[in-house]
Amino acid sequence: WSLLYMFDATCEVLQNAIEDGNYSLRGNANSAYDILTSFEFIFLLHLMRDILVVTHDLCHALQCKNQDILNVMSLVSTTKSLLQRMRESSWDGFFKEVTSFCEKHGIIVLNMTNLYIPRRGWAGRNVDHITVEHYYRINLFIATPDTQLHELNNRFCDNMVELLTLSS
């Protein structure tokens, strides 16, 4: 999260290491800089930040031993609602924020209408013929809160939440 706020300083440190470091350090710094200044990294960094903002209070409450069960159940419901809202209606604002950050920092924004081609590994051999937008919107942006919702629903199904709420 703080990497978003210290992005310029982090890039500057890496650029200094690329220019002034020994051979090994230059290579590592160059690789780190390339990853750090990629659209995918910035996208995932913003997505992680948004998910952590939504789940922070619940995570903190679940770690406290003296937490009121009604408060926790309320936080579970609120977190589920926020994740569902994020999943359903936050794409446009989120994507605009990511592209704005990229433009501000000189990072190339991918053309969302292009065919998505996986970078490397086994996935690179099995192309699904999806667009870049589909990959980022469906496979990353929607799948991430879906995974969180699935986990919360497995651990706190509606019947259990109601039972705990009524029993307390």
N, C-alpha and C. Protein backbone atom coordinates (compact mmCIF):
# COMPACT_ATOMS: atom_id res chain seq x y z
N TRP A 1 0.84 -1.17 0.00
CA TRP A 1 0.00 0.00 0.00
C TRP A 1 0.88 1.23 0.00
N SER A 2 1.87 1.27 0.87
CA SER A 2 2.75 2.44 0.89
C SER A 2 3.58 2.54 -0.37
N LEU A 3 3.70 1.45 -1.11
CA LEU A 3 4.43 1.50 -2.37
C LEU A 3 3.75 2.46 -3.35
N LEU A 4 2.43 2.55 -3.29
CA LEU A 4 1.72 3.53 -4.14
C LEU A 4 2.14 4.95 -3.79
N TYR A 5 2.33 5.21 -2.50
CA TYR A 5 2.70 6.56 -2.07
C TYR A 5 4.18 6.85 -2.27
N MET A 6 4.98 5.81 -2.27
CA MET A 6 6.42 5.98 -2.42
C MET A 6 6.90 5.50 -3.79
N PHE A 7 6.00 5.46 -4.75
CA PHE A 7 6.31 4.91 -6.06
C PHE A 7 7.47 5.66 -6.71
N ASP A 8 7.41 6.99 -6.74
CA ASP A 8 8.46 7.78 -7.38
C ASP A 8 9.81 7.55 -6.71
N ALA A 9 9.81 7.55 -5.38
CA ALA A 9 11.06 7.36 -4.64
C ALA A 9 11.63 5.96 -4.89
N THR A 10 10.76 4.96 -4.93
CA THR A 10 11.21 3.60 -5.18
C THR A 10 11.81 3.47 -6.58
N CYS A 11 11.16 4.07 -7.56
CA CYS A 11 11.69 4.05 -8.93
C CYS A 11 13.03 4.76 -9.00
N GLU A 12 13.16 5.85 -8.28
CA GLU A 12 14.42 6.60 -8.28
C GLU A 12 15.55 5.76 -7.68
N VAL A 13 15.28 5.07 -6.59
CA VAL A 13 16.29 4.21 -5.97
C VAL A 13 16.71 3.11 -6.95
N LEU A 14 15.75 2.51 -7.61
CA LEU A 14 16.07 1.46 -8.58
C LEU A 14 16.87 2.01 -9.76
N GLN A 15 16.50 3.18 -10.24
CA GLN A 15 17.24 3.79 -11.35
C GLN A 15 18.68 4.12 -10.93
N ASN A 16 18.86 4.58 -9.70
CA ASN A 16 20.22 4.83 -9.20
C ASN A 16 21.02 3.54 -9.13
N ALA A 17 20.39 2.46 -8.70
CA ALA A 17 21.07 1.17 -8.64
C ALA A 17 21.42 0.67 -10.04
N ILE A 18 20.55 0.95 -11.01
CA ILE A 18 20.83 0.55 -12.40
C ILE A 18 22.03 1.31 -12.93
N GLU A 19 22.12 2.59 -12.61
CA GLU A 19 23.21 3.43 -13.12
C GLU A 19 24.52 3.24 -12.37
N ASP A 20 24.44 3.09 -11.04
CA ASP A 20 25.66 3.12 -10.22
C ASP A 20 26.07 1.79 -9.62
N GLY A 21 25.23 0.76 -9.69
CA GLY A 21 25.53 -0.49 -9.01
C GLY A 21 26.48 -1.37 -9.78
N ASN A 22 26.92 -2.45 -9.10
CA ASN A 22 27.76 -3.43 -9.78
C ASN A 22 26.90 -4.22 -10.77
N TYR A 23 27.53 -5.09 -11.51
CA TYR A 23 26.85 -5.81 -12.59
C TYR A 23 25.61 -6.56 -12.09
N SER A 24 25.77 -7.31 -11.01
CA SER A 24 24.67 -8.11 -10.46
C SER A 24 23.54 -7.20 -9.96
N LEU A 25 23.91 -6.16 -9.24
CA LEU A 25 22.91 -5.23 -8.71
C LEU A 25 22.15 -4.54 -9.83
N ARG A 26 22.86 -4.14 -10.87
CA ARG A 26 22.21 -3.48 -12.01
C ARG A 26 21.16 -4.39 -12.65
N GLY A 27 21.53 -5.66 -12.82
CA GLY A 27 20.59 -6.61 -13.44
C GLY A 27 19.34 -6.81 -12.58
N ASN A 28 19.55 -6.98 -11.28
CA ASN A 28 18.41 -7.16 -10.37
C ASN A 28 17.55 -5.90 -10.30
N ALA A 29 18.19 -4.76 -10.22
CA ALA A 29 17.46 -3.49 -10.15
C ALA A 29 16.69 -3.25 -11.44
N ASN A 30 17.30 -3.58 -12.57
CA ASN A 30 16.63 -3.39 -13.85
C ASN A 30 15.40 -4.29 -13.96
N SER A 31 15.53 -5.54 -13.53
CA SER A 31 14.39 -6.46 -13.54
C SER A 31 13.28 -5.96 -12.63
N ALA A 32 13.66 -5.53 -11.42
CA ALA A 32 12.67 -5.01 -10.47
C ALA A 32 11.98 -3.77 -11.04
N TYR A 33 12.75 -2.90 -11.66
CA TYR A 33 12.19 -1.67 -12.23
C TYR A 33 11.22 -1.99 -13.37
N ASP A 34 11.57 -2.95 -14.20
CA ASP A 34 10.68 -3.34 -15.30
C ASP A 34 9.36 -3.89 -14.78
N ILE A 35 9.42 -4.69 -13.75
CA ILE A 35 8.20 -5.25 -13.15
C ILE A 35 7.40 -4.13 -12.48
N LEU A 36 8.06 -3.32 -11.70
CA LEU A 36 7.41 -2.24 -10.96
C LEU A 36 6.70 -1.25 -11.87
N THR A 37 7.23 -1.04 -13.06
CA THR A 37 6.66 -0.06 -13.97
C THR A 37 5.81 -0.71 -15.07
N SER A 38 5.35 -1.92 -14.80
CA SER A 38 4.46 -2.58 -15.76
C SER A 38 3.01 -2.30 -15.39
N PHE A 39 2.15 -2.28 -16.39
CA PHE A 39 0.72 -2.05 -16.16
C PHE A 39 0.16 -3.12 -15.24
N GLU A 40 0.53 -4.37 -15.45
CA GLU A 40 -0.01 -5.46 -14.64
C GLU A 40 0.34 -5.27 -13.16
N PHE A 41 1.56 -4.89 -12.86
CA PHE A 41 1.96 -4.68 -11.47
C PHE A 41 1.14 -3.55 -10.85
N ILE A 42 0.99 -2.45 -11.56
CA ILE A 42 0.23 -1.31 -11.04
C ILE A 42 -1.23 -1.71 -10.83
N PHE A 43 -1.78 -2.44 -11.77
CA PHE A 43 -3.16 -2.91 -11.67
C PHE A 43 -3.32 -3.76 -10.41
N LEU A 44 -2.44 -4.74 -10.23
CA LEU A 44 -2.52 -5.63 -9.07
C LEU A 44 -2.26 -4.90 -7.76
N LEU A 45 -1.38 -3.93 -7.78
CA LEU A 45 -1.11 -3.13 -6.58
C LEU A 45 -2.35 -2.36 -6.14
N HIS A 46 -3.03 -1.74 -7.09
CA HIS A 46 -4.27 -1.03 -6.77
C HIS A 46 -5.36 -2.01 -6.31
N LEU A 47 -5.45 -3.16 -6.96
CA LEU A 47 -6.45 -4.15 -6.58
C LEU A 47 -6.21 -4.67 -5.17
N MET A 48 -4.96 -4.96 -4.85
CA MET A 48 -4.63 -5.42 -3.49
C MET A 48 -4.99 -4.35 -2.46
N ARG A 49 -4.66 -3.11 -2.77
CA ARG A 49 -4.98 -2.03 -1.85
C ARG A 49 -6.48 -1.95 -1.61
N ASP A 50 -7.28 -2.02 -2.66
CA ASP A 50 -8.73 -1.92 -2.52
C ASP A 50 -9.31 -3.09 -1.74
N ILE A 51 -8.83 -4.29 -1.99
CA ILE A 51 -9.30 -5.46 -1.24
C ILE A 51 -8.92 -5.34 0.23
N LEU A 52 -7.70 -4.91 0.50
CA LEU A 52 -7.26 -4.76 1.89
C LEU A 52 -8.04 -3.67 2.63
N VAL A 53 -8.41 -2.61 1.94
CA VAL A 53 -9.21 -1.57 2.56
C VAL A 53 -10.57 -2.14 2.97
N VAL A 54 -11.17 -2.95 2.11
CA VAL A 54 -12.49 -3.52 2.38
C VAL A 54 -12.43 -4.55 3.52
N THR A 55 -11.38 -5.34 3.56
CA THR A 55 -11.32 -6.44 4.53
C THR A 55 -10.56 -6.11 5.82
N HIS A 56 -9.95 -4.94 5.91
CA HIS A 56 -9.09 -4.59 7.05
C HIS A 56 -9.81 -4.70 8.39
N ASP A 57 -10.95 -4.06 8.53
CA ASP A 57 -11.64 -4.05 9.83
C ASP A 57 -12.04 -5.45 10.27
N LEU A 58 -12.54 -6.25 9.33
CA LEU A 58 -12.92 -7.62 9.68
C LEU A 58 -11.71 -8.44 10.09
N CYS A 59 -10.63 -8.34 9.34
CA CYS A 59 -9.40 -9.07 9.70
C CYS A 59 -8.91 -8.69 11.08
N HIS A 60 -8.94 -7.40 11.36
CA HIS A 60 -8.50 -6.93 12.68
C HIS A 60 -9.43 -7.46 13.77
N ALA A 61 -10.73 -7.40 13.55
CA ALA A 61 -11.70 -7.86 14.54
C ALA A 61 -11.56 -9.36 14.81
N LEU A 62 -11.30 -10.13 13.77
CA LEU A 62 -11.17 -11.57 13.95
C LEU A 62 -9.91 -11.95 14.74
N GLN A 63 -8.94 -11.07 14.80
CA GLN A 63 -7.71 -11.34 15.54
C GLN A 63 -7.82 -10.96 17.01
N CYS A 64 -8.82 -10.18 17.36
CA CYS A 64 -8.98 -9.74 18.76
C CYS A 64 -9.71 -10.81 19.55
N LYS A 65 -9.18 -11.14 20.72
CA LYS A 65 -9.78 -12.17 21.56
C LYS A 65 -11.03 -11.67 22.29
N ASN A 66 -11.07 -10.39 22.57
CA ASN A 66 -12.18 -9.86 23.35
C ASN A 66 -13.26 -9.22 22.48
N GLN A 67 -13.37 -9.65 21.24
CA GLN A 67 -14.30 -9.03 20.29
C GLN A 67 -15.73 -9.49 20.56
N ASP A 68 -16.65 -8.58 20.48
CA ASP A 68 -18.07 -8.84 20.61
C ASP A 68 -18.55 -9.60 19.37
N ILE A 69 -19.22 -10.74 19.58
CA ILE A 69 -19.64 -11.59 18.46
C ILE A 69 -20.60 -10.86 17.53
N LEU A 70 -21.47 -10.02 18.07
CA LEU A 70 -22.41 -9.26 17.23
C LEU A 70 -21.66 -8.29 16.32
N ASN A 71 -20.64 -7.67 16.87
CA ASN A 71 -19.82 -6.75 16.08
C ASN A 71 -19.13 -7.50 14.94
N VAL A 72 -18.58 -8.65 15.23
CA VAL A 72 -17.89 -9.44 14.21
C VAL A 72 -18.88 -9.88 13.13
N MET A 73 -20.06 -10.34 13.53
CA MET A 73 -21.05 -10.78 12.54
C MET A 73 -21.50 -9.60 11.67
N SER A 74 -21.60 -8.43 12.29
CA SER A 74 -21.94 -7.23 11.52
C SER A 74 -20.83 -6.91 10.52
N LEU A 75 -19.58 -7.04 10.97
CA LEU A 75 -18.44 -6.79 10.08
C LEU A 75 -18.39 -7.82 8.94
N VAL A 76 -18.75 -9.06 9.22
CA VAL A 76 -18.78 -10.09 8.17
C VAL A 76 -19.80 -9.68 7.11
N SER A 77 -20.98 -9.30 7.53
CA SER A 77 -22.03 -8.89 6.58
C SER A 77 -21.63 -7.65 5.81
N THR A 78 -21.06 -6.69 6.50
CA THR A 78 -20.63 -5.45 5.84
C THR A 78 -19.53 -5.74 4.83
N THR A 79 -18.57 -6.56 5.20
CA THR A 79 -17.46 -6.91 4.30
C THR A 79 -17.98 -7.63 3.06
N LYS A 80 -18.90 -8.58 3.27
CA LYS A 80 -19.50 -9.27 2.13
C LYS A 80 -20.19 -8.28 1.19
N SER A 81 -20.94 -7.36 1.76
CA SER A 81 -21.65 -6.36 0.95
C SER A 81 -20.68 -5.48 0.18
N LEU A 82 -19.63 -5.04 0.85
CA LEU A 82 -18.64 -4.18 0.19
C LEU A 82 -17.91 -4.91 -0.93
N LEU A 83 -17.57 -6.16 -0.69
CA LEU A 83 -16.92 -6.95 -1.74
C LEU A 83 -17.86 -7.16 -2.92
N GLN A 84 -19.14 -7.43 -2.63
CA GLN A 84 -20.12 -7.62 -3.71
C GLN A 84 -20.29 -6.33 -4.50
N ARG A 85 -20.36 -5.20 -3.81
CA ARG A 85 -20.49 -3.91 -4.49
C ARG A 85 -19.25 -3.62 -5.33
N MET A 86 -18.09 -3.91 -4.79
CA MET A 86 -16.85 -3.71 -5.54
C MET A 86 -16.87 -4.54 -6.82
N ARG A 87 -17.26 -5.76 -6.68
CA ARG A 87 -17.30 -6.68 -7.81
C ARG A 87 -18.27 -6.22 -8.89
N GLU A 88 -19.43 -5.72 -8.47
CA GLU A 88 -20.49 -5.40 -9.42
C GLU A 88 -20.38 -4.02 -10.05
N SER A 89 -19.85 -3.05 -9.33
CA SER A 89 -19.99 -1.68 -9.85
C SER A 89 -18.76 -0.80 -9.75
N SER A 90 -17.63 -1.35 -9.44
CA SER A 90 -16.45 -0.50 -9.24
C SER A 90 -15.45 -0.52 -10.39
N TRP A 91 -15.71 -1.30 -11.43
CA TRP A 91 -14.71 -1.45 -12.49
C TRP A 91 -14.33 -0.12 -13.13
N ASP A 92 -15.30 0.66 -13.55
CA ASP A 92 -15.00 1.89 -14.28
C ASP A 92 -14.14 2.85 -13.46
N GLY A 93 -14.53 3.08 -12.21
CA GLY A 93 -13.75 3.97 -11.35
C GLY A 93 -12.37 3.40 -11.05
N PHE A 94 -12.31 2.10 -10.81
CA PHE A 94 -11.04 1.45 -10.53
C PHE A 94 -10.10 1.56 -11.73
N PHE A 95 -10.61 1.24 -12.91
CA PHE A 95 -9.78 1.27 -14.11
C PHE A 95 -9.32 2.70 -14.41
N LYS A 96 -10.18 3.65 -14.18
CA LYS A 96 -9.81 5.05 -14.39
C LYS A 96 -8.68 5.46 -13.43
N GLU A 97 -8.77 5.00 -12.19
CA GLU A 97 -7.72 5.30 -11.20
C GLU A 97 -6.39 4.67 -11.60
N VAL A 98 -6.43 3.43 -12.06
CA VAL A 98 -5.21 2.74 -12.48
C VAL A 98 -4.59 3.44 -13.68
N THR A 99 -5.40 3.76 -14.68
CA THR A 99 -4.86 4.41 -15.88
C THR A 99 -4.34 5.81 -15.56
N SER A 100 -5.00 6.51 -14.65
CA SER A 100 -4.53 7.83 -14.25
C SER A 100 -3.16 7.74 -13.58
N PHE A 101 -3.00 6.75 -12.69
CA PHE A 101 -1.72 6.52 -12.02
C PHE A 101 -0.64 6.21 -13.06
N CYS A 102 -0.98 5.34 -14.01
CA CYS A 102 -0.01 4.96 -15.05
C CYS A 102 0.39 6.17 -15.89
N GLU A 103 -0.57 6.96 -16.29
CA GLU A 103 -0.27 8.14 -17.10
C GLU A 103 0.59 9.14 -16.33
N LYS A 104 0.29 9.32 -15.05
CA LYS A 104 1.06 10.24 -14.21
C LYS A 104 2.51 9.81 -14.10
N HIS A 105 2.75 8.49 -14.11
CA HIS A 105 4.10 7.96 -13.91
C HIS A 105 4.75 7.44 -15.20
N GLY A 106 4.14 7.73 -16.33
CA GLY A 106 4.74 7.35 -17.61
C GLY A 106 4.74 5.86 -17.90
N ILE A 107 3.76 5.16 -17.39
CA ILE A 107 3.65 3.71 -17.60
C ILE A 107 2.66 3.48 -18.74
N ILE A 108 3.04 2.62 -19.65
CA ILE A 108 2.20 2.34 -20.82
C ILE A 108 0.94 1.60 -20.39
N VAL A 109 -0.22 2.17 -20.75
CA VAL A 109 -1.50 1.53 -20.49
C VAL A 109 -1.80 0.61 -21.67
N LEU A 110 -2.11 -0.62 -21.36
CA LEU A 110 -2.37 -1.61 -22.41
C LEU A 110 -3.64 -1.27 -23.18
N ASN A 111 -3.66 -1.65 -24.45
CA ASN A 111 -4.86 -1.49 -25.27
C ASN A 111 -5.81 -2.62 -24.89
N MET A 112 -6.94 -2.27 -24.30
CA MET A 112 -7.86 -3.26 -23.77
C MET A 112 -8.56 -4.09 -24.85
N THR A 113 -8.53 -3.65 -26.09
CA THR A 113 -9.20 -4.40 -27.15
C THR A 113 -8.28 -5.43 -27.80
N ASN A 114 -7.00 -5.38 -27.49
CA ASN A 114 -6.06 -6.36 -28.05
C ASN A 114 -6.31 -7.74 -27.49
N LEU A 115 -5.82 -8.74 -28.20
CA LEU A 115 -5.88 -10.12 -27.74
C LEU A 115 -4.90 -10.28 -26.59
N TYR A 116 -5.33 -10.92 -25.51
CA TYR A 116 -4.44 -11.14 -24.37
C TYR A 116 -3.54 -12.33 -24.66
N ILE A 117 -2.25 -12.12 -24.48
CA ILE A 117 -1.26 -13.17 -24.67
C ILE A 117 -0.50 -13.34 -23.36
N PRO A 118 -0.63 -14.51 -22.73
CA PRO A 118 0.09 -14.74 -21.47
C PRO A 118 1.59 -14.58 -21.67
N ARG A 119 2.26 -14.10 -20.63
CA ARG A 119 3.69 -13.78 -20.72
C ARG A 119 4.58 -14.97 -20.95
N ARG A 120 4.46 -15.97 -20.11
CA ARG A 120 5.43 -17.07 -20.17
C ARG A 120 4.85 -18.31 -19.51
N GLY A 121 5.62 -19.37 -19.55
CA GLY A 121 5.25 -20.61 -18.88
C GLY A 121 4.23 -21.41 -19.67
N TRP A 122 3.63 -22.38 -19.01
CA TRP A 122 2.69 -23.28 -19.64
C TRP A 122 1.48 -22.52 -20.20
N ALA A 123 1.04 -21.49 -19.49
CA ALA A 123 -0.13 -20.72 -19.93
C ALA A 123 0.11 -20.07 -21.28
N GLY A 124 1.35 -19.75 -21.60
CA GLY A 124 1.68 -19.11 -22.86
C GLY A 124 1.42 -20.01 -24.06
N ARG A 125 1.38 -21.31 -23.83
CA ARG A 125 1.15 -22.26 -24.92
C ARG A 125 -0.34 -22.47 -25.18
N ASN A 126 -1.16 -22.20 -24.18
CA ASN A 126 -2.60 -22.41 -24.29
C ASN A 126 -3.31 -21.06 -24.33
N VAL A 127 -3.41 -20.46 -25.48
CA VAL A 127 -4.03 -19.16 -25.62
C VAL A 127 -5.55 -19.33 -25.67
N ASP A 128 -6.28 -18.57 -24.84
CA ASP A 128 -7.73 -18.68 -24.76
C ASP A 128 -8.46 -17.75 -25.71
N HIS A 129 -7.74 -16.90 -26.42
CA HIS A 129 -8.35 -15.93 -27.33
C HIS A 129 -9.32 -15.01 -26.61
N ILE A 130 -8.84 -14.39 -25.57
CA ILE A 130 -9.62 -13.39 -24.84
C ILE A 130 -8.93 -12.04 -25.00
N THR A 131 -9.69 -10.98 -24.78
CA THR A 131 -9.10 -9.66 -24.88
C THR A 131 -8.35 -9.31 -23.60
N VAL A 132 -7.54 -8.29 -23.71
CA VAL A 132 -6.81 -7.79 -22.53
C VAL A 132 -7.82 -7.33 -21.48
N GLU A 133 -8.88 -6.66 -21.92
CA GLU A 133 -9.90 -6.20 -20.97
C GLU A 133 -10.53 -7.38 -20.23
N HIS A 134 -10.86 -8.44 -20.96
CA HIS A 134 -11.45 -9.62 -20.31
C HIS A 134 -10.52 -10.17 -19.24
N TYR A 135 -9.25 -10.29 -19.58
CA TYR A 135 -8.28 -10.82 -18.61
C TYR A 135 -8.25 -9.96 -17.34
N TYR A 136 -8.10 -8.64 -17.52
CA TYR A 136 -7.99 -7.77 -16.35
C TYR A 136 -9.31 -7.59 -15.62
N ARG A 137 -10.39 -7.51 -16.36
CA ARG A 137 -11.69 -7.27 -15.73
C ARG A 137 -12.26 -8.54 -15.09
N ILE A 138 -12.28 -9.63 -15.82
CA ILE A 138 -12.91 -10.86 -15.35
C ILE A 138 -11.94 -11.73 -14.55
N ASN A 139 -10.79 -12.01 -15.15
CA ASN A 139 -9.85 -12.95 -14.52
C ASN A 139 -9.16 -12.38 -13.29
N LEU A 140 -9.02 -11.06 -13.21
CA LEU A 140 -8.36 -10.47 -12.05
C LEU A 140 -9.33 -9.66 -11.19
N PHE A 141 -9.95 -8.63 -11.78
CA PHE A 141 -10.75 -7.70 -10.98
C PHE A 141 -11.98 -8.36 -10.36
N ILE A 142 -12.71 -9.15 -11.11
CA ILE A 142 -13.91 -9.79 -10.56
C ILE A 142 -13.55 -11.05 -9.80
N ALA A 143 -12.55 -11.78 -10.26
CA ALA A 143 -12.18 -13.03 -9.60
C ALA A 143 -11.62 -12.81 -8.19
N THR A 144 -10.97 -11.68 -7.96
CA THR A 144 -10.37 -11.45 -6.64
C THR A 144 -11.43 -11.27 -5.55
N PRO A 145 -12.39 -10.35 -5.70
CA PRO A 145 -13.43 -10.29 -4.66
C PRO A 145 -14.28 -11.56 -4.62
N ASP A 146 -14.45 -12.24 -5.77
CA ASP A 146 -15.17 -13.51 -5.76
C ASP A 146 -14.50 -14.53 -4.85
N THR A 147 -13.18 -14.59 -4.93
CA THR A 147 -12.42 -15.51 -4.07
C THR A 147 -12.60 -15.14 -2.61
N GLN A 148 -12.54 -13.85 -2.30
CA GLN A 148 -12.74 -13.40 -0.93
C GLN A 148 -14.16 -13.72 -0.45
N LEU A 149 -15.14 -13.46 -1.30
CA LEU A 149 -16.54 -13.77 -0.94
C LEU A 149 -16.73 -15.27 -0.73
N HIS A 150 -16.14 -16.07 -1.59
CA HIS A 150 -16.25 -17.52 -1.45
C HIS A 150 -15.68 -17.97 -0.10
N GLU A 151 -14.53 -17.44 0.25
CA GLU A 151 -13.91 -17.79 1.53
C GLU A 151 -14.78 -17.36 2.71
N LEU A 152 -15.30 -16.14 2.64
CA LEU A 152 -16.17 -15.66 3.73
C LEU A 152 -17.45 -16.48 3.81
N ASN A 153 -18.02 -16.83 2.66
CA ASN A 153 -19.24 -17.63 2.66
C ASN A 153 -19.00 -19.04 3.19
N ASN A 154 -17.82 -19.59 2.92
CA ASN A 154 -17.48 -20.91 3.47
C ASN A 154 -17.31 -20.86 4.98
N ARG A 155 -16.70 -19.81 5.47
CA ARG A 155 -16.43 -19.70 6.90
C ARG A 155 -17.61 -19.13 7.69
N PHE A 156 -18.38 -18.27 7.04
CA PHE A 156 -19.49 -17.59 7.71
C PHE A 156 -20.73 -17.67 6.82
N CYS A 157 -21.31 -18.86 6.68
CA CYS A 157 -22.52 -18.98 5.88
C CYS A 157 -23.66 -18.22 6.58
N ASP A 158 -24.65 -17.85 5.83
CA ASP A 158 -25.74 -17.02 6.36
C ASP A 158 -26.43 -17.66 7.56
N ASN A 159 -26.65 -18.98 7.52
CA ASN A 159 -27.30 -19.67 8.65
C ASN A 159 -26.45 -19.59 9.91
N MET A 160 -25.13 -19.75 9.76
CA MET A 160 -24.26 -19.68 10.93
C MET A 160 -24.22 -18.27 11.49
N VAL A 161 -24.16 -17.28 10.62
CA VAL A 161 -24.16 -15.88 11.07
C VAL A 161 -25.44 -15.59 11.84
N GLU A 162 -26.56 -16.04 11.30
CA GLU A 162 -27.85 -15.82 11.98
C GLU A 162 -27.90 -16.53 13.32
N LEU A 163 -27.42 -17.78 13.37
CA LEU A 163 -27.39 -18.53 14.62
C LEU A 163 -26.51 -17.85 15.66
N LEU A 164 -25.32 -17.42 15.28
CA LEU A 164 -24.44 -16.73 16.23
C LEU A 164 -25.04 -15.41 16.69
N THR A 165 -25.67 -14.70 15.78
CA THR A 165 -26.29 -13.43 16.13
C THR A 165 -27.43 -13.64 17.12
N LEU A 166 -28.28 -14.62 16.86
CA LEU A 166 -29.42 -14.89 17.75
C LEU A 166 -28.95 -15.42 19.11
N SER A 167 -27.92 -16.25 19.09
CA SER A 167 -27.45 -16.84 20.35
C SER A 167 -26.73 -15.84 21.25
N SER A 168 -26.20 -14.78 20.66
CA SER A 168 -25.51 -13.81 21.51
C SER A 168 -26.49 -12.77 21.98
